Amino acid sequence: MTGSRRIWVKFLAAALMLLLGSTVCRAQFREEAFQQNYNDTTTGKTPADSTDKLFSFKEYFGGLGHRNQTRIGVLASGSLLFVGGMQIYNRQYWKLPIIYTGLTVGLGGGSWAYLQYKKTGNEWCKNAYPWFFAGGALMYWATLLDGTICYHPDRKPLPGRATLYSLLCPGMGQIYNGEAWKVPIYWATLMGSVHFYITNKTNYERYKWIYDQASNPETSPTTPITAEQAKWYRDEFRRYRDYSMLALVGFYLLQVIDANVFAYLGDFEVNDNLSVRVEPSVISASENYALAGRGQLSLPRSSIPTTPDAYGLKLALRF
């Protein structure tokens, strides 16, 4: 199996594990927390089922025209293509010239500098075009984050906002939910995954170079280890590199799911009204046949068992 196929197989396995994990969580948390319901359940005057239609052009452009209320998930999805849509919905038109100027300078300037570098080999253009593209990407990211922050819902915390916060900036959704203590944990796992990815990638490239040199018949082997040893280390560090990337993606998705679920549970009633009540109870063996004498079942009265009642204790918990 080639390296690219191995990566795809591991990615699909990780996706399957996440899917199974979310299925298990449905029985433990509220089911709607996993159904992409990113805003209030109504849009205007008509109830909207967001689990059936995650995106609607009519809803999106109706929101841009201020004819109806639009879910934050629909706004964010539409603004991925129609940049500035969230600012229009929020009636912050003065931000649009800043956004489009930044995107034009970043993408246009980067494209121009890249083409000039390819034509002339200019050193300044070679160093400048990555910075231009990075500036355009930063403006694009800031546009989505600004639209998410300025969105004004009726409900707080809003699960859609918490989800987008965590998608755009890991840990921000937890801060929005009032669980800032989780941020160091998630950042430690993410930074640890990045560290191990870089370390394993560096070692993989090192042993790959040694293997190429040692296995080249046209050059005299001057490497400190044999080709077989280099091949073993190369494959090991490539495997660790792939695991590190899967861990990075997994922890990133975990903090997004965490922000979404606990935003839904933000209005879950939790109080100190706990009580335990123990009282006598009678378990009648004839209870399953109680409807027989009322015409609900076709069983004759003589067929009802006459097992004596059982006596015990009933435990009732209130929380």
C-alpha atoms as a PDB file:
ATOM      1  CA  MET A   1       0.000   0.000   0.000  1.00  0.00           C
ATOM      2  CA  THR A   2       1.447   3.362  -1.027  1.00  0.00           C
ATOM      3  CA  GLY A   3       1.904   6.260   1.396  1.00  0.00           C
ATOM      4  CA  SER A   4      -1.004   8.285   0.003  1.00  0.00           C
ATOM      5  CA  ARG A   5      -3.389   5.324   0.218  1.00  0.00           C
ATOM      6  CA  ARG A   6      -2.267   4.639   3.771  1.00  0.00           C
ATOM      7  CA  ILE A   7      -3.030   8.242   4.746  1.00  0.00           C
ATOM      8  CA  TRP A   8      -6.505   8.075   3.214  1.00  0.00           C
ATOM      9  CA  VAL A   9      -7.266   4.784   4.959  1.00  0.00           C
ATOM     10  CA  LYS A  10      -6.261   6.267   8.327  1.00  0.00           C
ATOM     11  CA  PHE A  11      -8.292   9.392   7.649  1.00  0.00           C
ATOM     12  CA  LEU A  12     -11.414   7.355   6.841  1.00  0.00           C
ATOM     13  CA  ALA A  13     -10.874   5.249   9.965  1.00  0.00           C
ATOM     14  CA  ALA A  14     -10.643   8.387  12.099  1.00  0.00           C
ATOM     15  CA  ALA A  15     -13.797   9.792  10.478  1.00  0.00           C
ATOM     16  CA  LEU A  16     -15.633   6.530  11.222  1.00  0.00           C
ATOM     17  CA  MET A  17     -14.532   6.672  14.868  1.00  0.00           C
ATOM     18  CA  LEU A  18     -15.786  10.247  15.158  1.00  0.00           C
ATOM     19  CA  LEU A  19     -19.099   9.224  13.613  1.00  0.00           C
ATOM     20  CA  LEU A  20     -19.503   6.331  16.043  1.00  0.00           C
ATOM     21  CA  GLY A  21     -18.538   8.585  18.930  1.00  0.00           C
ATOM     22  CA  SER A  22     -21.188  11.129  18.008  1.00  0.00           C
ATOM     23  CA  THR A  23     -23.760   8.324  17.747  1.00  0.00           C
ATOM     24  CA  VAL A  24     -22.941   7.191  21.276  1.00  0.00           C
ATOM     25  CA  CYS A  25     -23.127  10.751  22.558  1.00  0.00           C
ATOM     26  CA  ARG A  26     -26.677  11.082  21.241  1.00  0.00           C
ATOM     27  CA  ALA A  27     -27.857   8.809  24.043  1.00  0.00           C
ATOM     28  CA  GLN A  28     -26.036  10.859  26.655  1.00  0.00           C
ATOM     29  CA  PHE A  29     -26.656  14.445  25.533  1.00  0.00           C
ATOM     30  CA  ARG A  30     -29.513  16.198  23.830  1.00  0.00           C
ATOM     31  CA  GLU A  31     -29.909  14.833  20.347  1.00  0.00           C
ATOM     32  CA  GLU A  32     -30.382  18.211  18.679  1.00  0.00           C
ATOM     33  CA  ALA A  33     -26.841  19.152  19.692  1.00  0.00           C
ATOM     34  CA  PHE A  34     -25.597  16.946  16.845  1.00  0.00           C
ATOM     35  CA  GLN A  35     -28.145  18.009  14.221  1.00  0.00           C
ATOM     36  CA  GLN A  36     -26.585  21.277  13.008  1.00  0.00           C
ATOM     37  CA  ASN A  37     -29.338  23.464  14.437  1.00  0.00           C
ATOM     38  CA  TYR A  38     -27.318  26.681  14.561  1.00  0.00           C
ATOM     39  CA  ASN A  39     -29.920  29.241  15.537  1.00  0.00           C
ATOM     40  CA  ASP A  40     -33.418  29.722  16.805  1.00  0.00           C
ATOM     41  CA  THR A  41     -35.985  27.308  15.465  1.00  0.00           C
ATOM     42  CA  THR A  42     -37.887  30.009  13.627  1.00  0.00           C
ATOM     43  CA  THR A  43     -37.008  32.172  10.670  1.00  0.00           C
ATOM     44  CA  GLY A  44     -39.406  35.050  10.487  1.00  0.00           C
ATOM     45  CA  LYS A  45     -42.857  33.653  11.152  1.00  0.00           C
ATOM     46  CA  THR A  46     -42.405  30.211   9.658  1.00  0.00           C
ATOM     47  CA  PRO A  47     -40.868  27.374  11.659  1.00  0.00           C
ATOM     48  CA  ALA A  48     -37.720  26.102  10.003  1.00  0.00           C
ATOM     49  CA  ASP A  49     -36.318  22.618  10.370  1.00  0.00           C
ATOM     50  CA  SER A  50     -32.591  23.160  10.040  1.00  0.00           C
ATOM     51  CA  THR A  51     -31.898  19.433  10.098  1.00  0.00           C
ATOM     52  CA  ASP A  52     -33.709  19.022   6.782  1.00  0.00           C
ATOM     53  CA  LYS A  53     -32.226  22.053   5.037  1.00  0.00           C
ATOM     54  CA  LEU A  54     -28.840  23.179   6.301  1.00  0.00           C
ATOM     55  CA  PHE A  55     -28.514  25.956   3.704  1.00  0.00           C
ATOM     56  CA  SER A  56     -31.117  27.920   1.759  1.00  0.00           C
ATOM     57  CA  PHE A  57     -30.334  30.579  -0.838  1.00  0.00           C
ATOM     58  CA  LYS A  58     -33.780  32.064  -0.247  1.00  0.00           C
ATOM     59  CA  GLU A  59     -33.117  32.366   3.465  1.00  0.00           C
ATOM     60  CA  TYR A  60     -29.602  33.716   2.924  1.00  0.00           C
ATOM     61  CA  PHE A  61     -30.453  36.425   0.405  1.00  0.00           C
ATOM     62  CA  GLY A  62     -33.669  37.195   2.262  1.00  0.00           C
ATOM     63  CA  GLY A  63     -31.523  37.935   5.286  1.00  0.00           C
ATOM     64  CA  LEU A  64     -29.187  40.145   3.252  1.00  0.00           C
ATOM     65  CA  GLY A  65     -32.265  42.087   2.125  1.00  0.00           C
ATOM     66  CA  HIS A  66     -33.432  42.252   5.764  1.00  0.00           C
ATOM     67  CA  ARG A  67     -36.713  40.547   4.909  1.00  0.00           C
ATOM     68  CA  ASN A  68     -36.306  37.733   7.423  1.00  0.00           C
ATOM     69  CA  GLN A  69     -34.153  36.499  10.264  1.00  0.00           C
ATOM     70  CA  THR A  70     -31.350  34.220   9.079  1.00  0.00           C
ATOM     71  CA  ARG A  71     -29.604  31.489  11.012  1.00  0.00           C
ATOM     72  CA  ILE A  72     -25.972  32.121  11.762  1.00  0.00           C
ATOM     73  CA  GLY A  73     -24.964  28.834  10.126  1.00  0.00           C
ATOM     74  CA  VAL A  74     -26.628  29.879   6.867  1.00  0.00           C
ATOM     75  CA  LEU A  75     -24.975  33.299   7.036  1.00  0.00           C
ATOM     76  CA  ALA A  76     -21.527  31.842   7.627  1.00  0.00           C
ATOM     77  CA  SER A  77     -21.931  29.250   4.855  1.00  0.00           C
ATOM     78  CA  GLY A  78     -23.080  31.836   2.345  1.00  0.00           C
ATOM     79  CA  SER A  79     -20.353  34.298   3.347  1.00  0.00           C
ATOM     80  CA  LEU A  80     -17.695  31.732   2.516  1.00  0.00           C
ATOM     81  CA  LEU A  81     -18.455  32.538  -1.132  1.00  0.00           C
ATOM     82  CA  PHE A  82     -20.227  35.897  -0.959  1.00  0.00           C
ATOM     83  CA  VAL A  83     -17.653  37.682   1.164  1.00  0.00           C
ATOM     84  CA  GLY A  84     -19.104  40.447   3.311  1.00  0.00           C
ATOM     85  CA  GLY A  85     -22.575  38.958   3.556  1.00  0.00           C
ATOM     86  CA  MET A  86     -22.498  38.811   7.346  1.00  0.00           C
ATOM     87  CA  GLN A  87     -21.558  42.498   7.515  1.00  0.00           C
ATOM     88  CA  ILE A  88     -24.498  43.361   5.248  1.00  0.00           C
ATOM     89  CA  TYR A  89     -26.854  41.337   7.448  1.00  0.00           C
ATOM     90  CA  ASN A  90     -25.496  43.120  10.529  1.00  0.00           C
ATOM     91  CA  ARG A  91     -26.019  46.507   8.763  1.00  0.00           C
ATOM     92  CA  GLN A  92     -22.327  47.380   9.049  1.00  0.00           C
ATOM     93  CA  TYR A  93     -21.862  48.595   5.504  1.00  0.00           C
ATOM     94  CA  TRP A  94     -18.882  50.789   6.386  1.00  0.00           C
ATOM     95  CA  LYS A  95     -16.766  47.660   6.823  1.00  0.00           C
ATOM     96  CA  LEU A  96     -17.233  46.509   3.226  1.00  0.00           C
ATOM     97  CA  PRO A  97     -14.674  48.914   1.644  1.00  0.00           C
ATOM     98  CA  ILE A  98     -12.092  47.806   4.229  1.00  0.00           C
ATOM     99  CA  ILE A  99     -12.775  44.136   3.549  1.00  0.00           C
ATOM    100  CA  TYR A 100     -12.665  44.366  -0.242  1.00  0.00           C
ATOM    101  CA  THR A 101      -9.594  46.608  -0.198  1.00  0.00           C
ATOM    102  CA  GLY A 102      -7.739  44.148   2.026  1.00  0.00           C
ATOM    103  CA  LEU A 103      -8.727  41.176  -0.118  1.00  0.00           C
ATOM    104  CA  THR A 104      -7.804  42.979  -3.346  1.00  0.00           C
ATOM    105  CA  VAL A 105      -4.403  44.044  -2.035  1.00  0.00           C
ATOM    106  CA  GLY A 106      -3.673  40.603  -0.596  1.00  0.00           C
ATOM    107  CA  LEU A 107      -4.805  38.413  -3.472  1.00  0.00           C
ATOM    108  CA  GLY A 108      -4.088  40.862  -6.291  1.00  0.00           C
ATOM    109  CA  GLY A 109      -0.706  41.905  -4.923  1.00  0.00           C
ATOM    110  CA  GLY A 110       0.272  38.307  -4.257  1.00  0.00           C
ATOM    111  CA  SER A 111      -0.681  37.214  -7.766  1.00  0.00           C
ATOM    112  CA  TRP A 112       1.225  40.119  -9.333  1.00  0.00           C
ATOM    113  CA  ALA A 113       4.352  39.488  -7.221  1.00  0.00           C
ATOM    114  CA  TYR A 114       4.242  35.766  -7.987  1.00  0.00           C
ATOM    115  CA  LEU A 115       3.995  36.342 -11.740  1.00  0.00           C
ATOM    116  CA  GLN A 116       6.821  38.896 -11.627  1.00  0.00           C
ATOM    117  CA  TYR A 117       9.001  36.448  -9.729  1.00  0.00           C
ATOM    118  CA  LYS A 118       8.345  33.724 -12.327  1.00  0.00           C
ATOM    119  CA  LYS A 119       9.160  36.106 -15.182  1.00  0.00           C
ATOM    120  CA  THR A 120      12.152  37.982 -13.827  1.00  0.00           C
ATOM    121  CA  GLY A 121      13.292  36.020 -10.784  1.00  0.00           C
ATOM    122  CA  ASN A 122      13.130  39.187  -8.709  1.00  0.00           C
ATOM    123  CA  GLU A 123      14.179  38.438  -5.138  1.00  0.00           C
ATOM    124  CA  TRP A 124      11.832  41.033  -3.639  1.00  0.00           C
ATOM    125  CA  CYS A 125       8.831  39.492  -5.411  1.00  0.00           C
ATOM    126  CA  LYS A 126       9.906  36.049  -4.235  1.00  0.00           C
ATOM    127  CA  ASN A 127       9.850  37.179  -0.605  1.00  0.00           C
ATOM    128  CA  ALA A 128       6.770  39.399  -0.967  1.00  0.00           C
ATOM    129  CA  TYR A 129       4.122  37.205  -2.598  1.00  0.00           C
ATOM    130  CA  PRO A 130       3.703  34.784   0.382  1.00  0.00           C
ATOM    131  CA  TRP A 131       3.113  37.776   2.664  1.00  0.00           C
ATOM    132  CA  PHE A 132       0.525  39.245   0.286  1.00  0.00           C
ATOM    133  CA  PHE A 133      -1.382  35.931   0.189  1.00  0.00           C
ATOM    134  CA  ALA A 134      -1.115  35.576   3.969  1.00  0.00           C
ATOM    135  CA  GLY A 135      -2.566  39.073   4.395  1.00  0.00           C
ATOM    136  CA  GLY A 136      -5.487  38.251   2.099  1.00  0.00           C
ATOM    137  CA  ALA A 137      -6.166  35.007   4.002  1.00  0.00           C
ATOM    138  CA  LEU A 138      -6.022  36.905   7.297  1.00  0.00           C
ATOM    139  CA  MET A 139      -8.560  39.453   6.031  1.00  0.00           C
ATOM    140  CA  TYR A 140     -10.861  36.643   4.859  1.00  0.00           C
ATOM    141  CA  TRP A 141     -10.633  34.933   8.278  1.00  0.00           C
ATOM    142  CA  ALA A 142     -11.177  38.229  10.121  1.00  0.00           C
ATOM    143  CA  THR A 143     -14.281  38.918   8.010  1.00  0.00           C
ATOM    144  CA  LEU A 144     -15.943  35.680   9.120  1.00  0.00           C
ATOM    145  CA  LEU A 145     -14.906  36.166  12.740  1.00  0.00           C
ATOM    146  CA  ASP A 146     -16.165  39.758  12.779  1.00  0.00           C
ATOM    147  CA  GLY A 147     -19.519  38.703  11.334  1.00  0.00           C
ATOM    148  CA  THR A 148     -19.861  35.983  13.956  1.00  0.00           C
ATOM    149  CA  ILE A 149     -19.070  38.363  16.813  1.00  0.00           C
ATOM    150  CA  CYS A 150     -21.504  41.047  15.629  1.00  0.00           C
ATOM    151  CA  TYR A 151     -24.408  38.661  14.996  1.00  0.00           C
ATOM    152  CA  HIS A 152     -27.207  39.465  17.481  1.00  0.00           C
ATOM    153  CA  PRO A 153     -29.365  36.441  18.358  1.00  0.00           C
ATOM    154  CA  ASP A 154     -32.189  36.196  20.854  1.00  0.00           C
ATOM    155  CA  ARG A 155     -30.645  33.211  22.601  1.00  0.00           C
ATOM    156  CA  LYS A 156     -27.424  33.140  24.588  1.00  0.00           C
ATOM    157  CA  PRO A 157     -25.299  31.095  24.467  1.00  0.00           C
ATOM    158  CA  LEU A 158     -26.005  30.419  20.801  1.00  0.00           C
ATOM    159  CA  PRO A 159     -24.705  27.005  19.666  1.00  0.00           C
ATOM    160  CA  GLY A 160     -23.993  28.234  16.144  1.00  0.00           C
ATOM    161  CA  ARG A 161     -21.854  31.099  17.405  1.00  0.00           C
ATOM    162  CA  ALA A 162     -19.934  28.805  19.765  1.00  0.00           C
ATOM    163  CA  THR A 163     -19.311  26.374  16.899  1.00  0.00           C
ATOM    164  CA  LEU A 164     -18.070  29.066  14.531  1.00  0.00           C
ATOM    165  CA  TYR A 165     -15.866  30.546  17.247  1.00  0.00           C
ATOM    166  CA  SER A 166     -14.158  27.188  17.725  1.00  0.00           C
ATOM    167  CA  LEU A 167     -13.857  26.625  13.979  1.00  0.00           C
ATOM    168  CA  LEU A 168     -12.203  30.002  13.436  1.00  0.00           C
ATOM    169  CA  CYS A 169     -10.138  30.117  16.638  1.00  0.00           C
ATOM    170  CA  PRO A 170      -9.694  26.974  18.764  1.00  0.00           C
ATOM    171  CA  GLY A 171     -10.753  27.566  22.348  1.00  0.00           C
ATOM    172  CA  MET A 172     -12.800  30.667  21.618  1.00  0.00           C
ATOM    173  CA  GLY A 173     -16.046  28.695  21.751  1.00  0.00           C
ATOM    174  CA  GLN A 174     -15.173  27.439  25.218  1.00  0.00           C
ATOM    175  CA  ILE A 175     -14.513  31.000  26.381  1.00  0.00           C
ATOM    176  CA  TYR A 176     -17.891  32.039  24.943  1.00  0.00           C
ATOM    177  CA  ASN A 177     -19.574  29.208  26.877  1.00  0.00           C
ATOM    178  CA  GLY A 178     -17.904  30.354  30.101  1.00  0.00           C
ATOM    179  CA  GLU A 179     -15.560  27.349  30.248  1.00  0.00           C
ATOM    180  CA  ALA A 180     -12.216  29.053  29.813  1.00  0.00           C
ATOM    181  CA  TRP A 181     -10.513  26.398  31.953  1.00  0.00           C
ATOM    182  CA  LYS A 182     -10.713  24.040  28.971  1.00  0.00           C
ATOM    183  CA  VAL A 183      -8.660  26.325  26.714  1.00  0.00           C
ATOM    184  CA  PRO A 184      -5.198  25.381  28.109  1.00  0.00           C
ATOM    185  CA  ILE A 185      -6.086  21.685  27.777  1.00  0.00           C
ATOM    186  CA  TYR A 186      -7.085  21.951  24.115  1.00  0.00           C
ATOM    187  CA  TRP A 187      -4.197  24.237  23.214  1.00  0.00           C
ATOM    188  CA  ALA A 188      -1.749  21.859  24.905  1.00  0.00           C
ATOM    189  CA  THR A 189      -3.075  18.934  22.855  1.00  0.00           C
ATOM    190  CA  LEU A 190      -3.035  20.950  19.620  1.00  0.00           C
ATOM    191  CA  MET A 191       0.454  22.365  20.166  1.00  0.00           C
ATOM    192  CA  GLY A 192       1.712  18.935  21.209  1.00  0.00           C
ATOM    193  CA  SER A 193       0.322  17.439  17.999  1.00  0.00           C
ATOM    194  CA  VAL A 194       1.982  20.181  15.936  1.00  0.00           C
ATOM    195  CA  HIS A 195       5.297  19.636  17.733  1.00  0.00           C
ATOM    196  CA  PHE A 196       5.285  15.893  17.125  1.00  0.00           C
ATOM    197  CA  TYR A 197       4.202  16.395  13.516  1.00  0.00           C
ATOM    198  CA  ILE A 198       7.119  18.731  12.805  1.00  0.00           C
ATOM    199  CA  THR A 199       9.608  16.480  14.631  1.00  0.00           C
ATOM    200  CA  ASN A 200       8.461  13.309  12.882  1.00  0.00           C
ATOM    201  CA  LYS A 201       8.307  15.040   9.504  1.00  0.00           C
ATOM    202  CA  THR A 202      11.885  16.297   9.919  1.00  0.00           C
ATOM    203  CA  ASN A 203      13.139  12.824  10.849  1.00  0.00           C
ATOM    204  CA  TYR A 204      11.186  11.256   7.994  1.00  0.00           C
ATOM    205  CA  GLU A 205      12.776  13.577   5.446  1.00  0.00           C
ATOM    206  CA  ARG A 206      16.206  12.985   6.975  1.00  0.00           C
ATOM    207  CA  TYR A 207      16.024   9.196   6.734  1.00  0.00           C
ATOM    208  CA  LYS A 208      14.407   9.404   3.333  1.00  0.00           C
ATOM    209  CA  TRP A 209      17.430  11.343   2.095  1.00  0.00           C
ATOM    210  CA  ILE A 210      19.795   8.812   3.715  1.00  0.00           C
ATOM    211  CA  TYR A 211      17.908   5.933   2.105  1.00  0.00           C
ATOM    212  CA  ASP A 212      18.012   7.593  -1.320  1.00  0.00           C
ATOM    213  CA  GLN A 213      21.756   8.118  -0.985  1.00  0.00           C
ATOM    214  CA  ALA A 214      22.458   4.636   0.330  1.00  0.00           C
ATOM    215  CA  SER A 215      20.326   2.881  -2.306  1.00  0.00           C
ATOM    216  CA  ASN A 216      21.668   4.867  -5.269  1.00  0.00           C
ATOM    217  CA  PRO A 217      23.946   2.515  -7.258  1.00  0.00           C
ATOM    218  CA  GLU A 218      25.655   5.409  -9.054  1.00  0.00           C
ATOM    219  CA  THR A 219      27.147   6.890  -5.867  1.00  0.00           C
ATOM    220  CA  SER A 220      29.422   5.364  -3.287  1.00  0.00           C
ATOM    221  CA  PRO A 221      27.546   4.846   0.024  1.00  0.00           C
ATOM    222  CA  THR A 222      28.906   7.278   2.612  1.00  0.00           C
ATOM    223  CA  THR A 223      25.909   7.157   4.948  1.00  0.00           C
ATOM    224  CA  PRO A 224      26.334   6.118   8.613  1.00  0.00           C
ATOM    225  CA  ILE A 225      23.674   3.367   8.324  1.00  0.00           C
ATOM    226  CA  THR A 226      22.691   0.900   5.647  1.00  0.00           C
ATOM    227  CA  ALA A 227      19.860   1.344   3.180  1.00  0.00           C
ATOM    228  CA  GLU A 228      17.713  -1.254   4.981  1.00  0.00           C
ATOM    229  CA  GLN A 229      18.108   0.500   8.312  1.00  0.00           C
ATOM    230  CA  ALA A 230      17.336   3.883   6.743  1.00  0.00           C
ATOM    231  CA  LYS A 231      14.258   2.409   5.089  1.00  0.00           C
ATOM    232  CA  TRP A 232      12.982   1.088   8.438  1.00  0.00           C
ATOM    233  CA  TYR A 233      13.455   4.470  10.167  1.00  0.00           C
ATOM    234  CA  ARG A 234      11.920   6.287   7.200  1.00  0.00           C
ATOM    235  CA  ASP A 235       8.758   4.176   7.345  1.00  0.00           C
ATOM    236  CA  GLU A 236       8.495   4.487  11.141  1.00  0.00           C
ATOM    237  CA  PHE A 237       8.749   8.271  11.183  1.00  0.00           C
ATOM    238  CA  ARG A 238       6.345   8.534   8.258  1.00  0.00           C
ATOM    239  CA  ARG A 239       3.816   6.515  10.277  1.00  0.00           C
ATOM    240  CA  TYR A 240       4.349   8.717  13.341  1.00  0.00           C
ATOM    241  CA  ARG A 241       3.990  11.817  11.179  1.00  0.00           C
ATOM    242  CA  ASP A 242       0.621  10.578   9.904  1.00  0.00           C
ATOM    243  CA  TYR A 243      -0.541   9.759  13.438  1.00  0.00           C
ATOM    244  CA  SER A 244       0.444  13.245  14.579  1.00  0.00           C
ATOM    245  CA  MET A 245      -1.643  14.810  11.808  1.00  0.00           C
ATOM    246  CA  LEU A 246      -4.625  12.620  12.701  1.00  0.00           C
ATOM    247  CA  ALA A 247      -4.247  13.640  16.345  1.00  0.00           C
ATOM    248  CA  LEU A 248      -4.165  17.314  15.363  1.00  0.00           C
ATOM    249  CA  VAL A 249      -7.343  16.994  13.285  1.00  0.00           C
ATOM    250  CA  GLY A 250      -9.030  14.893  15.982  1.00  0.00           C
ATOM    251  CA  PHE A 251      -8.337  17.358  18.822  1.00  0.00           C
ATOM    252  CA  TYR A 252      -9.438  20.254  16.619  1.00  0.00           C
ATOM    253  CA  LEU A 253     -12.760  18.576  15.830  1.00  0.00           C
ATOM    254  CA  LEU A 254     -13.176  17.563  19.472  1.00  0.00           C
ATOM    255  CA  GLN A 255     -13.023  21.150  20.717  1.00  0.00           C
ATOM    256  CA  VAL A 256     -15.529  22.189  18.025  1.00  0.00           C
ATOM    257  CA  ILE A 257     -17.949  19.450  19.112  1.00  0.00           C
ATOM    258  CA  ASP A 258     -17.357  20.355  22.756  1.00  0.00           C
ATOM    259  CA  ALA A 259     -18.269  24.010  22.121  1.00  0.00           C
ATOM    260  CA  ASN A 260     -21.417  23.034  20.209  1.00  0.00           C
ATOM    261  CA  VAL A 261     -22.692  20.478  22.740  1.00  0.00           C
ATOM    262  CA  PHE A 262     -22.104  22.549  25.856  1.00  0.00           C
ATOM    263  CA  ALA A 263     -23.665  25.615  24.237  1.00  0.00           C
ATOM    264  CA  TYR A 264     -26.837  23.540  23.843  1.00  0.00           C
ATOM    265  CA  LEU A 265     -26.534  22.450  27.458  1.00  0.00           C
ATOM    266  CA  GLY A 266     -26.086  26.054  28.606  1.00  0.00           C
ATOM    267  CA  ASP A 267     -29.764  26.380  29.540  1.00  0.00           C
ATOM    268  CA  PHE A 268     -29.967  22.874  30.997  1.00  0.00           C
ATOM    269  CA  GLU A 269     -31.507  23.130  34.453  1.00  0.00           C
ATOM    270  CA  VAL A 270     -28.943  22.289  37.108  1.00  0.00           C
ATOM    271  CA  ASN A 271     -29.670  23.105  40.756  1.00  0.00           C
ATOM    272  CA  ASP A 272     -29.055  21.839  44.243  1.00  0.00           C
ATOM    273  CA  ASN A 273     -32.563  20.438  44.666  1.00  0.00           C
ATOM    274  CA  LEU A 274     -31.470  16.834  45.151  1.00  0.00           C
ATOM    275  CA  SER A 275     -33.537  14.368  47.104  1.00  0.00           C
ATOM    276  CA  VAL A 276     -33.761  10.655  47.724  1.00  0.00           C
ATOM    277  CA  ARG A 277     -37.020   9.063  48.850  1.00  0.00           C
ATOM    278  CA  VAL A 278     -37.398   5.465  49.984  1.00  0.00           C
ATOM    279  CA  GLU A 279     -40.918   4.138  50.565  1.00  0.00           C
ATOM    280  CA  PRO A 280     -42.757   0.803  50.662  1.00  0.00           C
ATOM    281  CA  SER A 281     -44.065  -0.534  47.401  1.00  0.00           C
ATOM    282  CA  VAL A 282     -46.368  -3.332  46.241  1.00  0.00           C
ATOM    283  CA  ILE A 283     -45.622  -5.135  42.984  1.00  0.00           C
ATOM    284  CA  SER A 284     -48.710  -6.902  41.734  1.00  0.00           C
ATOM    285  CA  ALA A 285     -48.299  -9.775  39.305  1.00  0.00           C
ATOM    286  CA  SER A 286     -51.738  -9.002  37.880  1.00  0.00           C
ATOM    287  CA  GLU A 287     -50.877  -5.451  36.794  1.00  0.00           C
ATOM    288  CA  ASN A 288     -50.033  -6.507  33.237  1.00  0.00           C
ATOM    289  CA  TYR A 289     -53.578  -7.900  32.951  1.00  0.00           C
ATOM    290  CA  ALA A 290     -55.398  -5.006  34.592  1.00  0.00           C
ATOM    291  CA  LEU A 291     -57.074  -4.053  31.338  1.00  0.00           C
ATOM    292  CA  ALA A 292     -58.542  -7.506  30.832  1.00  0.00           C
ATOM    293  CA  GLY A 293     -61.668  -6.682  32.852  1.00  0.00           C
ATOM    294  CA  ARG A 294     -62.224  -3.424  30.926  1.00  0.00           C
ATOM    295  CA  GLY A 295     -62.662  -4.928  27.514  1.00  0.00           C
ATOM    296  CA  GLN A 296     -59.215  -3.900  26.313  1.00  0.00           C
ATOM    297  CA  LEU A 297     -57.910  -7.472  26.011  1.00  0.00           C
ATOM    298  CA  SER A 298     -59.611 -10.607  24.812  1.00  0.00           C
ATOM    299  CA  LEU A 299     -58.262 -12.731  27.661  1.00  0.00           C
ATOM    300  CA  PRO A 300     -60.837 -14.532  29.810  1.00  0.00           C
ATOM    301  CA  ARG A 301     -60.797 -13.602  33.474  1.00  0.00           C
ATOM    302  CA  SER A 302     -59.996 -17.196  34.426  1.00  0.00           C
ATOM    303  CA  SER A 303     -56.692 -17.009  32.515  1.00  0.00           C
ATOM    304  CA  ILE A 304     -55.324 -14.181  34.668  1.00  0.00           C
ATOM    305  CA  PRO A 305     -52.632 -15.613  37.007  1.00  0.00           C
ATOM    306  CA  THR A 306     -53.212 -15.468  40.734  1.00  0.00           C
ATOM    307  CA  THR A 307     -49.607 -15.079  41.828  1.00  0.00           C
ATOM    308  CA  PRO A 308     -49.484 -13.300  45.202  1.00  0.00           C
ATOM    309  CA  ASP A 309     -48.292  -9.735  45.371  1.00  0.00           C
ATOM    310  CA  ALA A 310     -44.658  -8.944  46.197  1.00  0.00           C
ATOM    311  CA  TYR A 311     -43.689  -6.367  48.805  1.00  0.00           C
ATOM    312  CA  GLY A 312     -40.532  -4.274  48.761  1.00  0.00           C
ATOM    313  CA  LEU A 313     -39.024  -0.790  48.812  1.00  0.00           C
ATOM    314  CA  LYS A 314     -39.126   1.855  46.078  1.00  0.00           C
ATOM    315  CA  LEU A 315     -36.192   4.243  45.615  1.00  0.00           C
ATOM    316  CA  ALA A 316     -36.991   7.631  44.026  1.00  0.00           C
ATOM    317  CA  LEU A 317     -34.284  10.107  42.996  1.00  0.00           C
ATOM    318  CA  ARG A 318     -34.989  13.752  42.205  1.00  0.00           C
ATOM    319  CA  PHE A 319     -32.356  15.938  40.532  1.00  0.00           C
END
